[in-house]
Amino acid sequence: MKKPLLALAAGAAVLAVASPAAAAPSGDTVVTFTVSTANLDITVPASVNLGAAFAGSTITGSLGNVTVTDSRAALSATWTASVTSTAFTTGGGSGEETILPNLVEYWSGPAISTTGTGTFVPGQPTSADAVTLNLPRTAFSKTSGSGNNSATWNPSLRITLPPAAVGGLYSGTVTHSVA
């Protein structure tokens, strides 16, 4: 009698393994990905020559395109670009060979191009809004929006040449930064 019971138990085990599994009516797959981020950068022309003018007059010219590129993919993608200037000097940089930053005026003008969402604000939309560069000034800003964006503008300088300025090639540095 013990043999049929063992055969019956083995047969039930085979039946349990051979039965097909029931399929679920739906299934979820969790999908993930990353939106890459990068930096907040500014590009400026390496150099510019504004030409020539006589002592006691002014010289005006464009600096060339300045571009802020915001690749931070931020929820609040705001930034402010600032500008300042050193003194302009020639020769040994004596008093007569120096044009101080308070004689250097800057205006951003309007944006040439923008990308992304938000509000882009020129620091000085027209020459009537020009500011001296003896301390850091706002050149351009983005006050709202999210995600990647960029702005390009073509700022101008107006430099007052003192009547006592000595002739020569003057050199100085205009620095743009963004934060």
Protein backbone atom coordinates (compact mmCIF):
# COMPACT_ATOMS: atom_id res chain seq x y z
CA MET A 1 0.00 0.00 0.00
CA LYS A 2 2.83 2.35 0.50
CA LYS A 3 3.82 2.31 -3.18
CA PRO A 4 0.56 3.80 -4.59
CA LEU A 5 0.65 6.68 -2.09
CA LEU A 6 4.19 7.54 -3.13
CA ALA A 7 3.20 7.39 -6.82
CA LEU A 8 0.20 9.66 -6.17
CA ALA A 9 2.41 12.26 -4.37
CA ALA A 10 4.96 12.23 -7.23
CA GLY A 11 2.16 12.70 -9.79
CA ALA A 12 0.80 15.74 -7.92
CA ALA A 13 4.28 17.31 -7.85
CA VAL A 14 4.62 16.93 -11.61
CA LEU A 15 1.17 18.50 -12.13
CA ALA A 16 2.04 21.50 -9.95
CA VAL A 17 5.25 22.24 -11.87
CA ALA A 18 3.68 21.81 -15.32
CA SER A 19 0.76 24.25 -14.76
CA PRO A 20 1.17 27.59 -16.69
CA ALA A 21 1.47 30.83 -14.66
CA ALA A 22 -1.37 33.34 -14.93
CA ALA A 23 -0.36 36.65 -16.71
CA ALA A 24 -0.93 39.97 -14.89
CA PRO A 25 -3.35 42.38 -16.63
CA SER A 26 -0.70 45.18 -16.66
CA GLY A 27 2.91 45.85 -15.67
CA ASP A 28 4.95 48.90 -14.78
CA THR A 29 8.49 49.74 -15.94
CA VAL A 30 10.29 52.52 -14.09
CA VAL A 31 12.20 54.64 -16.64
CA THR A 32 14.87 57.15 -15.56
CA PHE A 33 17.16 59.59 -17.35
CA THR A 34 19.27 62.61 -16.51
CA VAL A 35 19.03 66.10 -17.97
CA SER A 36 22.66 67.15 -18.15
CA THR A 37 23.82 70.47 -16.80
CA ALA A 38 26.89 72.56 -17.48
CA ASN A 39 28.10 76.03 -16.59
CA LEU A 40 27.18 79.67 -16.71
CA ASP A 41 29.73 81.17 -19.12
CA ILE A 42 30.52 84.50 -20.75
CA THR A 43 32.47 85.07 -23.98
CA VAL A 44 33.92 88.41 -25.03
CA PRO A 45 36.12 89.66 -27.87
CA ALA A 46 39.83 89.24 -27.12
CA SER A 47 40.72 92.77 -28.20
CA VAL A 48 39.37 95.80 -30.02
CA ASN A 49 40.93 98.99 -31.37
CA LEU A 50 38.64 102.03 -31.12
CA GLY A 51 40.71 104.11 -33.56
CA ALA A 52 42.22 107.53 -32.87
CA ALA A 53 41.08 110.89 -31.49
CA PHE A 54 42.71 114.12 -30.32
CA ALA A 55 43.28 115.04 -26.68
CA GLY A 56 40.31 116.99 -25.34
CA SER A 57 37.76 115.03 -27.41
CA THR A 58 35.94 111.75 -27.04
CA ILE A 59 36.36 108.43 -28.79
CA THR A 60 33.45 106.05 -29.17
CA GLY A 61 33.28 102.52 -30.48
CA SER A 62 31.79 99.08 -30.20
CA LEU A 63 33.44 96.35 -28.13
CA GLY A 64 32.00 93.53 -30.23
CA ASN A 65 29.56 90.81 -29.22
CA VAL A 66 29.37 89.67 -25.60
CA THR A 67 27.46 86.42 -25.00
CA VAL A 68 26.24 84.79 -21.81
CA THR A 69 25.46 81.08 -22.18
CA ASP A 70 23.55 79.50 -19.31
CA SER A 71 23.66 75.69 -19.55
CA ARG A 72 22.79 75.02 -15.90
CA ALA A 73 19.23 73.85 -16.77
CA ALA A 74 18.09 75.56 -13.56
CA LEU A 75 14.53 75.94 -12.34
CA SER A 76 15.28 79.61 -11.67
CA ALA A 77 17.73 80.46 -14.45
CA THR A 78 18.56 84.05 -13.54
CA TRP A 79 21.92 85.75 -13.84
CA THR A 80 23.61 89.16 -13.88
CA ALA A 81 26.52 90.14 -16.12
CA SER A 82 28.75 92.88 -14.72
CA VAL A 83 31.33 95.12 -16.35
CA THR A 84 34.22 97.23 -15.06
CA SER A 85 37.37 98.83 -16.48
CA THR A 86 40.97 99.48 -15.56
CA ALA A 87 42.68 102.78 -16.32
CA PHE A 88 44.01 103.20 -19.86
CA THR A 89 47.72 104.02 -20.01
CA THR A 90 50.52 104.69 -22.46
CA GLY A 91 54.27 105.02 -21.97
CA GLY A 92 55.22 104.96 -18.28
CA GLY A 93 51.67 105.55 -17.04
CA SER A 94 52.31 108.99 -15.53
CA GLY A 95 49.33 111.27 -14.82
CA GLU A 96 49.35 112.67 -18.36
CA GLU A 97 49.71 109.11 -19.72
CA THR A 98 46.67 107.75 -17.84
CA ILE A 99 42.94 107.90 -18.58
CA LEU A 100 41.03 106.90 -15.45
CA PRO A 101 37.99 104.56 -15.50
CA ASN A 102 35.69 107.41 -14.45
CA LEU A 103 36.28 108.83 -17.97
CA VAL A 104 35.23 105.53 -19.59
CA GLU A 105 31.48 105.25 -20.25
CA TYR A 106 29.67 102.02 -21.22
CA TRP A 107 26.26 101.11 -22.52
CA SER A 108 25.10 97.61 -23.37
CA GLY A 109 22.48 98.43 -25.97
CA PRO A 110 19.62 95.98 -26.52
CA ALA A 111 20.03 92.24 -26.97
CA ILE A 112 21.07 91.19 -30.47
CA SER A 113 19.73 87.70 -29.80
CA THR A 114 18.36 85.61 -26.95
CA THR A 115 17.39 81.97 -26.52
CA GLY A 116 15.30 80.29 -23.85
CA THR A 117 12.48 81.57 -21.71
CA GLY A 118 12.36 84.51 -19.35
CA THR A 119 13.03 88.22 -19.25
CA PHE A 120 16.34 89.60 -20.55
CA VAL A 121 17.16 93.14 -19.39
CA PRO A 122 19.86 95.38 -20.89
CA GLY A 123 21.83 97.33 -18.31
CA GLN A 124 21.91 100.49 -20.44
CA PRO A 125 19.61 100.27 -23.48
CA THR A 126 20.84 103.50 -25.15
CA SER A 127 23.84 105.83 -25.15
CA ALA A 128 21.80 108.24 -23.00
CA ASP A 129 21.92 105.55 -20.27
CA ALA A 130 25.73 105.18 -20.35
CA VAL A 131 27.51 104.61 -17.02
CA THR A 132 31.14 105.15 -16.01
CA LEU A 133 33.23 102.06 -15.36
CA ASN A 134 35.06 103.24 -12.26
CA LEU A 135 33.13 100.56 -10.36
CA PRO A 136 31.32 97.36 -11.40
CA ARG A 137 28.09 98.01 -13.29
CA THR A 138 25.30 95.72 -14.50
CA ALA A 139 25.81 95.11 -18.21
CA PHE A 140 22.88 92.74 -18.78
CA SER A 141 20.67 90.46 -16.71
CA LYS A 142 18.08 87.71 -16.93
CA THR A 143 15.43 88.21 -14.27
CA SER A 144 13.07 85.25 -14.81
CA GLY A 145 12.72 81.95 -16.62
CA SER A 146 14.04 78.42 -16.38
CA GLY A 147 16.20 76.02 -18.34
CA ASN A 148 19.07 76.74 -20.68
CA ASN A 149 19.30 80.21 -22.22
CA SER A 150 21.65 82.74 -23.78
CA ALA A 151 21.88 86.43 -24.57
CA THR A 152 24.16 88.36 -26.90
CA TRP A 153 24.67 92.14 -26.97
CA ASN A 154 27.14 94.51 -28.61
CA PRO A 155 28.19 97.12 -26.02
CA SER A 156 29.81 100.47 -26.75
CA LEU A 157 32.41 102.61 -25.01
CA ARG A 158 32.77 106.39 -24.96
CA ILE A 159 36.11 107.57 -23.56
CA THR A 160 36.73 111.21 -22.71
CA LEU A 161 40.32 112.11 -23.53
CA PRO A 162 41.65 114.78 -21.13
CA PRO A 163 43.11 117.91 -22.79
CA ALA A 164 46.48 117.14 -21.14
CA ALA A 165 46.59 113.54 -22.44
CA VAL A 166 49.93 112.61 -24.02
CA GLY A 167 49.90 111.12 -27.52
CA GLY A 168 50.42 107.38 -27.79
CA LEU A 169 48.71 104.01 -27.98
CA TYR A 170 46.65 103.61 -24.79
CA SER A 171 45.73 100.20 -23.44
CA GLY A 172 43.34 99.11 -20.71
CA THR A 173 41.09 96.19 -19.87
CA VAL A 174 37.31 96.07 -19.82
CA THR A 175 36.20 93.02 -17.83
CA HIS A 176 32.79 91.34 -18.15
CA SER A 177 31.78 88.69 -15.62
CA VAL A 178 28.58 86.74 -14.94
CA ALA A 179 27.07 85.21 -11.82
